[in-house]
């Protein structure tokens, strides 16, 4: 089993200046851990306000690895958080419960902020994504800039 605690600590330390900037700009949704770059290939961990969502895309986490990841996150991150894990292999949405049964509060809708705007996210629903694609942040910023002063 991989020693996750130092990998997470290093990832958070590398992101510290970025996270401070994001928080100052009204953003609380971002990638905390990108496994391929940080020594745990296949694992990503994203924060959406109070929701922390871990996802795997090839191999699932073992129950022991999952407990370790969640424990490390709860120790490293400030404030209360809801944790969910989704394995997104083939037919993933049909089997989320097979891999992890989060506390019911982790399956509610959460509000997160990006640039001061509020977005609703949910760790699990009929689809397999949490409703907000973090990698489209630049596109959302471009749209906000081009519609400034307009109403929809």
C-alpha atoms as a PDB file:
ATOM      1  CA  UNK A   1       0.000   0.000   0.000  1.00  0.00           C
ATOM      2  CA  UNK A   2       1.259   3.462  -0.915  1.00  0.00           C
ATOM      3  CA  UNK A   3       2.158   5.931   1.835  1.00  0.00           C
ATOM      4  CA  UNK A   4      -0.362   8.641   0.971  1.00  0.00           C
ATOM      5  CA  UNK A   5       0.192  11.123   3.826  1.00  0.00           C
ATOM      6  CA  UNK A   6       3.515  12.541   2.557  1.00  0.00           C
ATOM      7  CA  UNK A   7       2.208  12.694  -1.025  1.00  0.00           C
ATOM      8  CA  UNK A   8      -0.804  14.739   0.104  1.00  0.00           C
ATOM      9  CA  UNK A   9       1.351  16.958   2.325  1.00  0.00           C
ATOM     10  CA  UNK A  10       3.689  17.713  -0.591  1.00  0.00           C
ATOM     11  CA  UNK A  11       0.771  18.410  -2.938  1.00  0.00           C
ATOM     12  CA  UNK A  12      -0.838  20.825  -0.478  1.00  0.00           C
ATOM     13  CA  UNK A  13       2.471  22.562   0.206  1.00  0.00           C
ATOM     14  CA  UNK A  14       3.070  23.057  -3.540  1.00  0.00           C
ATOM     15  CA  UNK A  15      -0.430  24.502  -3.914  1.00  0.00           C
ATOM     16  CA  UNK A  16      -0.328  26.736  -0.845  1.00  0.00           C
ATOM     17  CA  UNK A  17       0.326  30.042  -2.702  1.00  0.00           C
ATOM     18  CA  UNK A  18      -2.266  29.158  -5.347  1.00  0.00           C
ATOM     19  CA  UNK A  19      -4.895  28.221  -2.766  1.00  0.00           C
ATOM     20  CA  UNK A  20      -4.304  31.469  -0.867  1.00  0.00           C
ATOM     21  CA  UNK A  21      -4.817  33.411  -4.105  1.00  0.00           C
ATOM     22  CA  UNK A  22      -7.940  31.432  -5.007  1.00  0.00           C
ATOM     23  CA  UNK A  23      -9.468  31.922  -1.555  1.00  0.00           C
ATOM     24  CA  UNK A  24      -8.733  35.656  -1.682  1.00  0.00           C
ATOM     25  CA  UNK A  25     -10.532  35.784  -5.048  1.00  0.00           C
ATOM     26  CA  UNK A  26     -13.661  34.043  -3.781  1.00  0.00           C
ATOM     27  CA  UNK A  27     -12.853  30.535  -5.044  1.00  0.00           C
ATOM     28  CA  UNK A  28     -13.173  27.372  -2.969  1.00  0.00           C
ATOM     29  CA  UNK A  29     -13.274  24.729  -5.712  1.00  0.00           C
ATOM     30  CA  UNK A  30     -10.022  23.339  -7.080  1.00  0.00           C
ATOM     31  CA  UNK A  31      -7.917  20.224  -7.553  1.00  0.00           C
ATOM     32  CA  UNK A  32      -6.128  19.221  -4.371  1.00  0.00           C
ATOM     33  CA  UNK A  33      -4.279  16.199  -5.742  1.00  0.00           C
ATOM     34  CA  UNK A  34      -3.494  15.016  -9.262  1.00  0.00           C
ATOM     35  CA  UNK A  35      -2.162  11.512  -8.900  1.00  0.00           C
ATOM     36  CA  UNK A  36      -0.194  11.149 -12.104  1.00  0.00           C
ATOM     37  CA  UNK A  37       1.925  14.179 -11.197  1.00  0.00           C
ATOM     38  CA  UNK A  38       2.112  13.406  -7.493  1.00  0.00           C
ATOM     39  CA  UNK A  39       2.964   9.746  -7.202  1.00  0.00           C
ATOM     40  CA  UNK A  40      -0.444   8.029  -7.064  1.00  0.00           C
ATOM     41  CA  UNK A  41      -1.407   7.415 -10.678  1.00  0.00           C
ATOM     42  CA  UNK A  42      -5.131   7.290 -11.343  1.00  0.00           C
ATOM     43  CA  UNK A  43      -6.286   9.213  -8.260  1.00  0.00           C
ATOM     44  CA  UNK A  44      -7.628  12.759  -8.341  1.00  0.00           C
ATOM     45  CA  UNK A  45      -9.000  14.696  -5.404  1.00  0.00           C
ATOM     46  CA  UNK A  46     -11.046  17.842  -5.928  1.00  0.00           C
ATOM     47  CA  UNK A  47     -12.548  20.241  -3.434  1.00  0.00           C
ATOM     48  CA  UNK A  48     -15.920  21.870  -4.044  1.00  0.00           C
ATOM     49  CA  UNK A  49     -16.478  24.031  -0.976  1.00  0.00           C
ATOM     50  CA  UNK A  50     -17.184  21.633   1.891  1.00  0.00           C
ATOM     51  CA  UNK A  51     -17.262  18.601  -0.428  1.00  0.00           C
ATOM     52  CA  UNK A  52     -14.057  16.682  -1.127  1.00  0.00           C
ATOM     53  CA  UNK A  53     -14.409  14.237  -4.009  1.00  0.00           C
ATOM     54  CA  UNK A  54     -11.797  11.556  -4.660  1.00  0.00           C
ATOM     55  CA  UNK A  55     -12.012   9.726  -7.975  1.00  0.00           C
ATOM     56  CA  UNK A  56     -10.150   6.896  -9.660  1.00  0.00           C
ATOM     57  CA  UNK A  57     -10.317   6.171 -13.342  1.00  0.00           C
ATOM     58  CA  UNK A  58      -8.540   2.843 -13.883  1.00  0.00           C
ATOM     59  CA  UNK A  59      -7.905   0.806 -10.760  1.00  0.00           C
ATOM     60  CA  UNK A  60     -10.135   1.343  -7.764  1.00  0.00           C
ATOM     61  CA  UNK A  61      -8.828   2.048  -4.276  1.00  0.00           C
ATOM     62  CA  UNK A  62      -8.816  -0.863  -1.863  1.00  0.00           C
ATOM     63  CA  UNK A  63     -10.892  -0.367   1.299  1.00  0.00           C
ATOM     64  CA  UNK A  64      -7.646   0.199   3.244  1.00  0.00           C
ATOM     65  CA  UNK A  65      -6.377   2.780   0.739  1.00  0.00           C
ATOM     66  CA  UNK A  66      -9.732   4.550   0.791  1.00  0.00           C
ATOM     67  CA  UNK A  67      -9.702   4.783   4.598  1.00  0.00           C
ATOM     68  CA  UNK A  68      -6.125   6.078   4.504  1.00  0.00           C
ATOM     69  CA  UNK A  69      -6.926   8.726   1.879  1.00  0.00           C
ATOM     70  CA  UNK A  70     -10.006   9.933   3.763  1.00  0.00           C
ATOM     71  CA  UNK A  71      -8.188  10.009   7.115  1.00  0.00           C
ATOM     72  CA  UNK A  72      -5.277  11.978   5.631  1.00  0.00           C
ATOM     73  CA  UNK A  73      -7.644  14.485   4.025  1.00  0.00           C
ATOM     74  CA  UNK A  74      -9.599  15.017   7.234  1.00  0.00           C
ATOM     75  CA  UNK A  75      -6.359  15.644   9.152  1.00  0.00           C
ATOM     76  CA  UNK A  76      -4.843  17.947   6.523  1.00  0.00           C
ATOM     77  CA  UNK A  77      -7.801  20.125   5.553  1.00  0.00           C
ATOM     78  CA  UNK A  78      -9.326  22.763   7.815  1.00  0.00           C
ATOM     79  CA  UNK A  79     -12.949  22.775   8.840  1.00  0.00           C
ATOM     80  CA  UNK A  80     -15.644  20.171   8.498  1.00  0.00           C
ATOM     81  CA  UNK A  81     -15.809  18.411   5.162  1.00  0.00           C
ATOM     82  CA  UNK A  82     -17.972  15.856   3.424  1.00  0.00           C
ATOM     83  CA  UNK A  83     -16.054  13.104   1.632  1.00  0.00           C
ATOM     84  CA  UNK A  84     -17.116  10.946  -1.294  1.00  0.00           C
ATOM     85  CA  UNK A  85     -15.195   8.521  -3.481  1.00  0.00           C
ATOM     86  CA  UNK A  86     -16.225   7.561  -6.994  1.00  0.00           C
ATOM     87  CA  UNK A  87     -14.467   4.908  -9.034  1.00  0.00           C
ATOM     88  CA  UNK A  88     -15.092   5.826 -12.646  1.00  0.00           C
ATOM     89  CA  UNK A  89     -14.117   2.667 -14.455  1.00  0.00           C
ATOM     90  CA  UNK A  90     -16.371   1.017 -17.026  1.00  0.00           C
ATOM     91  CA  UNK A  91     -20.054   1.498 -16.209  1.00  0.00           C
ATOM     92  CA  UNK A  92     -18.904   3.410 -13.160  1.00  0.00           C
ATOM     93  CA  UNK A  93     -22.097   5.251 -12.302  1.00  0.00           C
ATOM     94  CA  UNK A  94     -23.900   1.933 -11.995  1.00  0.00           C
ATOM     95  CA  UNK A  95     -21.500   0.742  -9.314  1.00  0.00           C
ATOM     96  CA  UNK A  96     -20.502   3.755  -7.186  1.00  0.00           C
ATOM     97  CA  UNK A  97     -22.035   2.129  -4.109  1.00  0.00           C
ATOM     98  CA  UNK A  98     -19.856  -0.937  -4.645  1.00  0.00           C
ATOM     99  CA  UNK A  99     -16.721   1.088  -3.942  1.00  0.00           C
ATOM    100  CA  UNK A 100     -17.826   3.559  -1.282  1.00  0.00           C
ATOM    101  CA  UNK A 101     -20.904   4.389   0.750  1.00  0.00           C
ATOM    102  CA  UNK A 102     -20.314   7.930   1.960  1.00  0.00           C
ATOM    103  CA  UNK A 103     -22.182   9.565   4.790  1.00  0.00           C
ATOM    104  CA  UNK A 104     -25.584  10.690   3.472  1.00  0.00           C
ATOM    105  CA  UNK A 105     -24.615  14.352   3.910  1.00  0.00           C
ATOM    106  CA  UNK A 106     -21.843  13.877   1.310  1.00  0.00           C
ATOM    107  CA  UNK A 107     -24.495  13.064  -1.288  1.00  0.00           C
ATOM    108  CA  UNK A 108     -26.431  16.314  -0.860  1.00  0.00           C
ATOM    109  CA  UNK A 109     -26.057  19.368  -3.074  1.00  0.00           C
ATOM    110  CA  UNK A 110     -23.189  21.645  -2.105  1.00  0.00           C
ATOM    111  CA  UNK A 111     -22.549  25.253  -2.971  1.00  0.00           C
ATOM    112  CA  UNK A 112     -19.037  26.156  -4.011  1.00  0.00           C
ATOM    113  CA  UNK A 113     -17.636  29.447  -5.258  1.00  0.00           C
ATOM    114  CA  UNK A 114     -15.477  30.413  -8.200  1.00  0.00           C
ATOM    115  CA  UNK A 115     -14.507  34.040  -8.605  1.00  0.00           C
ATOM    116  CA  UNK A 116     -17.293  34.954  -6.200  1.00  0.00           C
ATOM    117  CA  UNK A 117     -19.999  33.180  -8.227  1.00  0.00           C
ATOM    118  CA  UNK A 118     -21.875  30.320  -6.623  1.00  0.00           C
ATOM    119  CA  UNK A 119     -22.266  26.899  -8.243  1.00  0.00           C
ATOM    120  CA  UNK A 120     -24.173  23.823  -7.143  1.00  0.00           C
ATOM    121  CA  UNK A 121     -22.353  20.489  -7.159  1.00  0.00           C
ATOM    122  CA  UNK A 122     -23.258  16.968  -6.188  1.00  0.00           C
ATOM    123  CA  UNK A 123     -20.831  14.064  -5.783  1.00  0.00           C
ATOM    124  CA  UNK A 124     -23.313  11.572  -7.213  1.00  0.00           C
ATOM    125  CA  UNK A 125     -26.377  11.897  -9.385  1.00  0.00           C
ATOM    126  CA  UNK A 126     -27.682  10.353 -12.607  1.00  0.00           C
ATOM    127  CA  UNK A 127     -24.518  11.357 -14.442  1.00  0.00           C
ATOM    128  CA  UNK A 128     -20.967  10.695 -13.350  1.00  0.00           C
ATOM    129  CA  UNK A 129     -19.555  14.209 -13.011  1.00  0.00           C
ATOM    130  CA  UNK A 130     -20.096  16.603 -10.088  1.00  0.00           C
ATOM    131  CA  UNK A 131     -21.786  19.256 -12.326  1.00  0.00           C
ATOM    132  CA  UNK A 132     -18.810  21.644 -12.352  1.00  0.00           C
ATOM    133  CA  UNK A 133     -15.829  20.878 -14.563  1.00  0.00           C
ATOM    134  CA  UNK A 134     -12.843  22.491 -12.879  1.00  0.00           C
ATOM    135  CA  UNK A 135     -10.789  22.339 -16.080  1.00  0.00           C
ATOM    136  CA  UNK A 136     -13.244  24.734 -17.764  1.00  0.00           C
ATOM    137  CA  UNK A 137     -12.463  27.570 -15.337  1.00  0.00           C
ATOM    138  CA  UNK A 138     -10.755  29.645 -18.073  1.00  0.00           C
ATOM    139  CA  UNK A 139     -13.812  29.309 -20.334  1.00  0.00           C
ATOM    140  CA  UNK A 140     -16.148  30.445 -17.548  1.00  0.00           C
ATOM    141  CA  UNK A 141     -13.859  33.405 -16.865  1.00  0.00           C
ATOM    142  CA  UNK A 142     -13.897  34.340 -20.584  1.00  0.00           C
ATOM    143  CA  UNK A 143     -17.702  34.188 -20.697  1.00  0.00           C
ATOM    144  CA  UNK A 144     -17.973  36.309 -17.532  1.00  0.00           C
ATOM    145  CA  UNK A 145     -15.659  38.878 -19.084  1.00  0.00           C
ATOM    146  CA  UNK A 146     -17.543  39.037 -22.375  1.00  0.00           C
ATOM    147  CA  UNK A 147     -21.009  39.441 -20.825  1.00  0.00           C
ATOM    148  CA  UNK A 148     -20.092  41.989 -18.158  1.00  0.00           C
ATOM    149  CA  UNK A 149     -22.960  44.459 -17.790  1.00  0.00           C
ATOM    150  CA  UNK A 150     -25.420  42.263 -19.691  1.00  0.00           C
ATOM    151  CA  UNK A 151     -28.314  40.261 -18.291  1.00  0.00           C
ATOM    152  CA  UNK A 152     -29.602  36.864 -19.262  1.00  0.00           C
END
